[in-house]
């Protein structure tokens, strides 16, 4: 999808989910639920007190 198409879809949807999770596992669960709910755009914040946001806790 081209940049112009993405921007047009964002304007059409008028919704971006913002996710802030305590760890990667929780974040993945939340993102899966958002996608299942039909939301097309997701922002994942990378603010955590400890560790790195993308490190696996599994």
N, C-alpha and C. Protein backbone atom coordinates (compact mmCIF):
# COMPACT_ATOMS: atom_id res chain seq x y z
N UNK A 1 0.85 -1.17 0.00
CA UNK A 1 0.00 0.00 0.00
C UNK A 1 0.90 1.24 0.00
N UNK A 2 0.56 2.19 -0.84
CA UNK A 2 1.35 3.41 -0.93
C UNK A 2 1.00 4.37 0.21
N UNK A 3 1.92 5.28 0.48
CA UNK A 3 1.76 6.25 1.56
C UNK A 3 0.43 6.99 1.45
N UNK A 4 0.09 7.42 0.26
CA UNK A 4 -1.15 8.16 0.06
C UNK A 4 -2.37 7.32 0.41
N UNK A 5 -2.30 6.03 0.10
CA UNK A 5 -3.42 5.12 0.41
C UNK A 5 -3.55 4.92 1.92
N UNK A 6 -2.42 4.80 2.59
CA UNK A 6 -2.44 4.64 4.05
C UNK A 6 -3.04 5.88 4.71
N UNK A 7 -2.60 7.05 4.28
CA UNK A 7 -3.13 8.29 4.84
C UNK A 7 -4.63 8.43 4.59
N UNK A 8 -5.07 8.06 3.41
CA UNK A 8 -6.50 8.12 3.10
C UNK A 8 -7.29 7.18 3.99
N UNK A 9 -6.76 5.98 4.22
CA UNK A 9 -7.43 5.01 5.09
C UNK A 9 -7.48 5.51 6.53
N UNK A 10 -6.41 6.15 6.99
CA UNK A 10 -6.39 6.71 8.35
C UNK A 10 -7.45 7.79 8.49
N UNK A 11 -7.58 8.65 7.48
CA UNK A 11 -8.60 9.69 7.51
C UNK A 11 -10.00 9.08 7.51
N UNK A 12 -10.18 8.01 6.78
CA UNK A 12 -11.47 7.34 6.70
C UNK A 12 -11.83 6.68 8.04
N UNK A 13 -10.87 6.00 8.65
CA UNK A 13 -11.13 5.28 9.90
C UNK A 13 -11.27 6.22 11.10
N UNK A 14 -10.50 7.29 11.12
CA UNK A 14 -10.52 8.27 12.24
C UNK A 14 -10.26 7.62 13.60
N UNK A 15 -9.46 6.56 13.63
CA UNK A 15 -9.19 5.88 14.89
C UNK A 15 -7.83 5.22 14.87
N UNK A 16 -7.04 5.52 15.89
CA UNK A 16 -5.75 4.85 16.09
C UNK A 16 -5.73 4.39 17.54
N UNK A 17 -5.56 3.09 17.74
CA UNK A 17 -5.45 2.55 19.10
C UNK A 17 -4.04 2.80 19.61
N UNK A 18 -3.92 3.23 20.85
CA UNK A 18 -2.61 3.46 21.47
C UNK A 18 -2.42 2.41 22.56
N UNK A 19 -1.32 1.67 22.46
CA UNK A 19 -1.07 0.57 23.39
C UNK A 19 0.15 0.89 24.24
N UNK A 20 -0.02 0.74 25.53
CA UNK A 20 1.10 0.84 26.47
C UNK A 20 0.95 -0.34 27.41
N UNK A 21 1.84 -1.29 27.30
CA UNK A 21 1.76 -2.52 28.07
C UNK A 21 2.93 -2.62 29.03
N UNK A 22 2.76 -3.46 30.06
CA UNK A 22 3.83 -3.62 31.04
C UNK A 22 4.98 -4.47 30.51
N UNK A 23 4.69 -5.32 29.51
CA UNK A 23 5.74 -6.14 28.91
C UNK A 23 5.30 -6.61 27.52
N UNK A 24 6.19 -7.29 26.84
CA UNK A 24 5.92 -7.73 25.47
C UNK A 24 4.74 -8.68 25.40
N UNK A 25 4.64 -9.60 26.33
CA UNK A 25 3.56 -10.59 26.31
C UNK A 25 2.20 -9.90 26.43
N UNK A 26 2.07 -8.99 27.38
CA UNK A 26 0.82 -8.26 27.54
C UNK A 26 0.52 -7.43 26.29
N UNK A 27 1.54 -6.79 25.75
CA UNK A 27 1.37 -5.98 24.56
C UNK A 27 0.87 -6.80 23.37
N UNK A 28 1.43 -7.99 23.20
CA UNK A 28 0.99 -8.86 22.10
C UNK A 28 -0.48 -9.25 22.26
N UNK A 29 -0.90 -9.54 23.48
CA UNK A 29 -2.30 -9.90 23.73
C UNK A 29 -3.23 -8.74 23.41
N UNK A 30 -2.84 -7.55 23.83
CA UNK A 30 -3.66 -6.37 23.57
C UNK A 30 -3.73 -6.09 22.07
N UNK A 31 -2.62 -6.17 21.39
CA UNK A 31 -2.60 -5.93 19.94
C UNK A 31 -3.47 -6.96 19.22
N UNK A 32 -3.38 -8.22 19.62
CA UNK A 32 -4.22 -9.26 19.01
C UNK A 32 -5.71 -8.93 19.18
N UNK A 33 -6.09 -8.47 20.36
CA UNK A 33 -7.49 -8.13 20.62
C UNK A 33 -7.93 -6.92 19.80
N UNK A 34 -7.05 -5.95 19.65
CA UNK A 34 -7.37 -4.76 18.85
C UNK A 34 -7.59 -5.16 17.39
N UNK A 35 -6.72 -5.98 16.87
CA UNK A 35 -6.86 -6.44 15.48
C UNK A 35 -8.14 -7.24 15.31
N UNK A 36 -8.42 -8.13 16.26
CA UNK A 36 -9.66 -8.93 16.20
C UNK A 36 -10.89 -8.04 16.24
N UNK A 37 -10.78 -6.89 16.91
CA UNK A 37 -11.88 -5.95 16.98
C UNK A 37 -12.05 -5.09 15.75
N UNK A 38 -11.15 -5.23 14.79
CA UNK A 38 -11.31 -4.54 13.52
C UNK A 38 -10.63 -3.18 13.41
N UNK A 39 -9.79 -2.84 14.38
CA UNK A 39 -9.07 -1.56 14.31
C UNK A 39 -7.83 -1.76 13.43
N UNK A 40 -7.64 -0.85 12.49
CA UNK A 40 -6.59 -1.00 11.49
C UNK A 40 -5.26 -0.34 11.84
N UNK A 41 -5.28 0.63 12.74
CA UNK A 41 -4.06 1.37 13.04
C UNK A 41 -3.76 1.31 14.54
N UNK A 42 -2.52 0.99 14.86
CA UNK A 42 -2.10 0.82 16.25
C UNK A 42 -0.78 1.55 16.47
N UNK A 43 -0.71 2.32 17.53
CA UNK A 43 0.54 2.94 17.97
C UNK A 43 0.98 2.19 19.22
N UNK A 44 2.20 1.74 19.25
CA UNK A 44 2.74 1.04 20.42
C UNK A 44 3.78 1.95 21.05
N UNK A 45 3.50 2.40 22.28
CA UNK A 45 4.45 3.27 22.95
C UNK A 45 5.58 2.43 23.51
N UNK A 46 6.74 3.01 23.62
CA UNK A 46 7.92 2.27 24.05
C UNK A 46 8.45 2.83 25.37
N UNK A 47 7.57 3.13 26.29
CA UNK A 47 7.97 3.67 27.57
C UNK A 47 7.83 2.61 28.65
N UNK A 48 8.95 2.22 29.20
CA UNK A 48 8.96 1.22 30.27
C UNK A 48 10.00 1.63 31.30
N UNK A 49 9.72 1.36 32.54
CA UNK A 49 10.65 1.72 33.61
C UNK A 49 11.89 0.84 33.62
N UNK A 50 11.70 -0.45 33.34
CA UNK A 50 12.82 -1.39 33.39
C UNK A 50 12.90 -2.19 32.10
N UNK A 51 14.08 -2.70 31.81
CA UNK A 51 14.33 -3.57 30.66
C UNK A 51 14.13 -2.81 29.36
N UNK A 52 14.19 -3.54 28.27
CA UNK A 52 13.95 -2.95 26.97
C UNK A 52 12.56 -3.36 26.52
N UNK A 53 11.82 -2.49 25.88
CA UNK A 53 10.45 -2.78 25.51
C UNK A 53 10.27 -4.03 24.64
N UNK A 54 11.25 -4.34 23.83
CA UNK A 54 11.09 -5.47 22.92
C UNK A 54 11.73 -6.75 23.42
N UNK A 55 12.28 -6.74 24.61
CA UNK A 55 12.87 -7.98 25.12
C UNK A 55 11.75 -8.94 25.48
N UNK A 56 12.00 -10.19 25.24
CA UNK A 56 10.98 -11.21 25.50
C UNK A 56 10.97 -11.57 26.98
N UNK A 57 9.78 -11.70 27.53
CA UNK A 57 9.66 -12.13 28.93
C UNK A 57 9.17 -13.55 29.00
N UNK A 58 9.26 -14.27 27.89
CA UNK A 58 8.82 -15.67 27.83
C UNK A 58 9.93 -16.59 28.25
